[in-house]
């Protein structure tokens, strides 16, 4: 999963619609990101079974690094694999 630093809190169902992957895979990745402190998981007060996911400040701090990596890939994408 690629983290979007402007990501607003999103419920699992919203993430599922935007990510082409199985529910099991998304759940595993979200749990890993929560474990590593890159995504927070909160339970809205108006919902007993739903959770919202949002990126943490630690994840936001990775943005410049990821942007540099993406720029490098764009510049070198013409190279043969």
N, C-alpha and C. Protein backbone atom coordinates (compact mmCIF):
# COMPACT_ATOMS: atom_id res chain seq x y z
N UNK A 1 0.84 -1.18 0.00
CA UNK A 1 0.00 0.00 0.00
C UNK A 1 0.88 1.24 0.00
N UNK A 2 0.50 2.18 -0.79
CA UNK A 2 1.20 3.45 -0.80
C UNK A 2 0.41 4.41 0.07
N UNK A 3 1.10 5.03 0.99
CA UNK A 3 0.43 5.97 1.89
C UNK A 3 0.32 7.33 1.24
N UNK A 4 -0.83 7.92 1.37
CA UNK A 4 -1.07 9.26 0.88
C UNK A 4 -1.04 10.19 2.07
N UNK A 5 -0.10 11.12 2.08
CA UNK A 5 0.05 11.98 3.26
C UNK A 5 -1.14 12.89 3.49
N UNK A 6 -2.02 13.05 2.51
CA UNK A 6 -3.21 13.86 2.66
C UNK A 6 -4.43 13.01 2.99
N UNK A 7 -4.20 11.74 3.22
CA UNK A 7 -5.30 10.80 3.45
C UNK A 7 -6.11 11.21 4.68
N UNK A 8 -7.38 11.37 4.48
CA UNK A 8 -8.29 11.59 5.58
C UNK A 8 -8.61 10.23 6.19
N UNK A 9 -9.08 10.22 7.43
CA UNK A 9 -9.48 8.92 7.98
C UNK A 9 -10.45 8.21 7.05
N UNK A 10 -10.22 6.92 6.87
CA UNK A 10 -11.06 6.14 5.96
C UNK A 10 -11.44 4.82 6.62
N UNK A 11 -12.64 4.40 6.37
CA UNK A 11 -13.09 3.09 6.86
C UNK A 11 -12.58 2.00 5.92
N UNK A 12 -12.56 0.78 6.43
CA UNK A 12 -12.05 -0.34 5.65
C UNK A 12 -12.78 -0.44 4.31
N UNK A 13 -14.09 -0.29 4.32
CA UNK A 13 -14.87 -0.42 3.08
C UNK A 13 -14.45 0.61 2.04
N UNK A 14 -14.09 1.81 2.48
CA UNK A 14 -13.63 2.84 1.56
C UNK A 14 -12.26 2.48 0.98
N UNK A 15 -11.40 1.96 1.84
CA UNK A 15 -10.08 1.53 1.37
C UNK A 15 -10.21 0.38 0.39
N UNK A 16 -11.08 -0.55 0.69
CA UNK A 16 -11.28 -1.72 -0.16
C UNK A 16 -11.69 -1.30 -1.57
N UNK A 17 -12.53 -0.28 -1.67
CA UNK A 17 -12.98 0.19 -2.99
C UNK A 17 -11.84 0.79 -3.80
N UNK A 18 -10.86 1.37 -3.11
CA UNK A 18 -9.78 2.07 -3.82
C UNK A 18 -8.53 1.23 -4.03
N UNK A 19 -8.50 0.03 -3.44
CA UNK A 19 -7.32 -0.83 -3.53
C UNK A 19 -7.71 -2.14 -4.20
N UNK A 20 -7.01 -2.49 -5.24
CA UNK A 20 -7.30 -3.72 -5.98
C UNK A 20 -6.58 -4.89 -5.31
N UNK A 21 -7.16 -5.38 -4.23
CA UNK A 21 -6.57 -6.49 -3.49
C UNK A 21 -7.67 -7.15 -2.65
N UNK A 22 -7.37 -8.33 -2.15
CA UNK A 22 -8.37 -9.04 -1.35
C UNK A 22 -8.51 -8.40 0.03
N UNK A 23 -9.64 -8.63 0.66
CA UNK A 23 -9.87 -8.13 2.01
C UNK A 23 -8.82 -8.65 2.98
N UNK A 24 -8.46 -9.89 2.82
CA UNK A 24 -7.46 -10.51 3.70
C UNK A 24 -6.12 -9.80 3.57
N UNK A 25 -5.70 -9.53 2.35
CA UNK A 25 -4.42 -8.86 2.12
C UNK A 25 -4.45 -7.44 2.67
N UNK A 26 -5.52 -6.72 2.44
CA UNK A 26 -5.64 -5.35 2.95
C UNK A 26 -5.60 -5.36 4.47
N UNK A 27 -6.31 -6.28 5.09
CA UNK A 27 -6.33 -6.38 6.54
C UNK A 27 -4.94 -6.65 7.08
N UNK A 28 -4.23 -7.57 6.48
CA UNK A 28 -2.86 -7.89 6.92
C UNK A 28 -1.95 -6.67 6.82
N UNK A 29 -2.02 -5.99 5.68
CA UNK A 29 -1.16 -4.81 5.48
C UNK A 29 -1.51 -3.69 6.45
N UNK A 30 -2.78 -3.46 6.66
CA UNK A 30 -3.19 -2.44 7.63
C UNK A 30 -2.69 -2.79 9.03
N UNK A 31 -2.83 -4.05 9.41
CA UNK A 31 -2.35 -4.47 10.73
C UNK A 31 -0.84 -4.28 10.87
N UNK A 32 -0.09 -4.56 9.80
CA UNK A 32 1.36 -4.35 9.83
C UNK A 32 1.69 -2.87 9.96
N UNK A 33 0.97 -2.04 9.22
CA UNK A 33 1.21 -0.60 9.28
C UNK A 33 0.86 -0.03 10.65
N UNK A 34 -0.21 -0.54 11.27
CA UNK A 34 -0.57 -0.13 12.62
C UNK A 34 0.53 -0.57 13.60
N UNK A 35 0.97 -1.79 13.47
CA UNK A 35 2.01 -2.33 14.35
C UNK A 35 3.29 -1.49 14.29
N UNK A 36 3.63 -1.01 13.11
CA UNK A 36 4.86 -0.24 12.93
C UNK A 36 4.66 1.27 13.14
N UNK A 37 3.45 1.66 13.53
CA UNK A 37 3.19 3.05 13.86
C UNK A 37 3.02 3.98 12.68
N UNK A 38 2.73 3.42 11.50
CA UNK A 38 2.55 4.25 10.32
C UNK A 38 1.09 4.58 10.04
N UNK A 39 0.19 3.77 10.59
CA UNK A 39 -1.25 3.98 10.45
C UNK A 39 -1.87 3.84 11.82
N UNK A 40 -2.85 4.70 12.11
CA UNK A 40 -3.59 4.56 13.36
C UNK A 40 -4.97 4.01 13.05
N UNK A 41 -5.48 3.26 13.99
CA UNK A 41 -6.81 2.64 13.84
C UNK A 41 -7.66 3.13 15.01
N UNK A 42 -8.77 3.77 14.69
CA UNK A 42 -9.66 4.27 15.74
C UNK A 42 -11.07 3.78 15.48
N UNK A 43 -11.84 3.72 16.55
CA UNK A 43 -13.22 3.29 16.44
C UNK A 43 -14.12 4.50 16.68
N UNK A 44 -14.87 4.90 15.66
CA UNK A 44 -15.77 6.04 15.84
C UNK A 44 -16.79 5.75 16.94
N UNK A 45 -17.16 6.78 17.65
CA UNK A 45 -18.10 6.60 18.76
C UNK A 45 -19.48 6.15 18.29
N UNK A 46 -19.82 6.44 17.05
CA UNK A 46 -21.16 6.09 16.57
C UNK A 46 -21.23 4.71 15.92
N UNK A 47 -20.14 3.95 15.97
CA UNK A 47 -20.13 2.65 15.32
C UNK A 47 -19.44 1.61 16.20
N UNK A 48 -20.14 0.52 16.42
CA UNK A 48 -19.61 -0.53 17.28
C UNK A 48 -18.62 -1.44 16.56
N UNK A 49 -18.80 -1.63 15.25
CA UNK A 49 -18.00 -2.60 14.51
C UNK A 49 -17.07 -1.99 13.47
N UNK A 50 -17.19 -0.72 13.21
CA UNK A 50 -16.38 -0.08 12.16
C UNK A 50 -15.15 0.59 12.78
N UNK A 51 -14.10 0.65 11.99
CA UNK A 51 -12.88 1.33 12.40
C UNK A 51 -12.47 2.29 11.30
N UNK A 52 -11.77 3.32 11.68
CA UNK A 52 -11.21 4.25 10.71
C UNK A 52 -9.69 4.18 10.78
N UNK A 53 -9.08 4.30 9.62
CA UNK A 53 -7.63 4.25 9.50
C UNK A 53 -7.12 5.58 8.98
N UNK A 54 -6.04 6.05 9.57
CA UNK A 54 -5.41 7.28 9.08
C UNK A 54 -3.91 7.17 9.27
N UNK A 55 -3.17 7.93 8.48
CA UNK A 55 -1.73 7.86 8.60
C UNK A 55 -1.27 8.69 9.81
N UNK A 56 -0.14 8.29 10.36
CA UNK A 56 0.40 8.97 11.54
C UNK A 56 1.41 10.03 11.10
N UNK A 57 1.85 10.81 12.06
CA UNK A 57 2.89 11.81 11.79
C UNK A 57 4.18 11.13 11.33
N UNK A 58 4.49 9.96 11.89
CA UNK A 58 5.67 9.22 11.44
C UNK A 58 5.58 8.88 9.96
N UNK A 59 4.41 8.46 9.52
CA UNK A 59 4.22 8.14 8.10
C UNK A 59 4.35 9.40 7.25
N UNK A 60 3.79 10.50 7.73
CA UNK A 60 3.89 11.75 6.99
C UNK A 60 5.34 12.18 6.83
N UNK A 61 6.16 11.87 7.83
CA UNK A 61 7.57 12.27 7.75
C UNK A 61 8.33 11.49 6.68
N UNK A 62 7.78 10.38 6.21
CA UNK A 62 8.41 9.60 5.14
C UNK A 62 8.15 10.18 3.75
N UNK A 63 7.24 11.10 3.66
CA UNK A 63 6.82 11.63 2.37
C UNK A 63 7.98 12.14 1.51
N UNK A 64 8.90 12.96 2.04
CA UNK A 64 9.99 13.44 1.18
C UNK A 64 10.89 12.31 0.68
N UNK A 65 11.08 11.31 1.50
CA UNK A 65 11.91 10.16 1.11
C UNK A 65 11.23 9.38 -0.01
N UNK A 66 9.94 9.12 0.16
CA UNK A 66 9.20 8.39 -0.86
C UNK A 66 9.12 9.18 -2.16
N UNK A 67 8.94 10.50 -2.06
CA UNK A 67 8.87 11.32 -3.26
C UNK A 67 10.19 11.26 -4.04
N UNK A 68 11.30 11.28 -3.32
CA UNK A 68 12.62 11.16 -3.96
C UNK A 68 12.74 9.82 -4.67
N UNK A 69 12.29 8.78 -4.03
CA UNK A 69 12.33 7.44 -4.63
C UNK A 69 11.45 7.39 -5.89
N UNK A 70 10.25 7.92 -5.81
CA UNK A 70 9.34 7.94 -6.97
C UNK A 70 9.94 8.75 -8.12
N UNK A 71 10.57 9.88 -7.79
CA UNK A 71 11.21 10.70 -8.82
C UNK A 71 12.33 9.93 -9.50
N UNK A 72 13.12 9.22 -8.72
CA UNK A 72 14.22 8.43 -9.28
C UNK A 72 13.68 7.36 -10.23
N UNK A 73 12.62 6.68 -9.83
CA UNK A 73 12.02 5.66 -10.67
C UNK A 73 11.53 6.28 -11.98
N UNK A 74 10.88 7.43 -11.89
CA UNK A 74 10.41 8.11 -13.10
C UNK A 74 11.57 8.45 -14.04
N UNK A 75 12.67 8.91 -13.49
CA UNK A 75 13.82 9.30 -14.29
C UNK A 75 14.53 8.09 -14.93
N UNK A 76 14.44 6.94 -14.28
CA UNK A 76 15.17 5.77 -14.74
C UNK A 76 14.27 4.66 -15.30
N UNK A 77 13.02 4.98 -15.51
CA UNK A 77 12.10 3.95 -15.98
C UNK A 77 12.38 3.51 -17.42
N UNK A 78 13.21 4.23 -18.13
CA UNK A 78 13.57 3.86 -19.50
C UNK A 78 14.61 2.74 -19.54
N UNK A 79 15.23 2.46 -18.39
CA UNK A 79 16.27 1.42 -18.36
C UNK A 79 15.64 0.04 -18.51
N UNK A 80 16.31 -0.85 -19.23
CA UNK A 80 15.78 -2.22 -19.37
C UNK A 80 15.85 -2.97 -18.04
N UNK A 81 14.93 -3.86 -17.88
CA UNK A 81 14.89 -4.66 -16.65
C UNK A 81 15.76 -5.89 -16.80
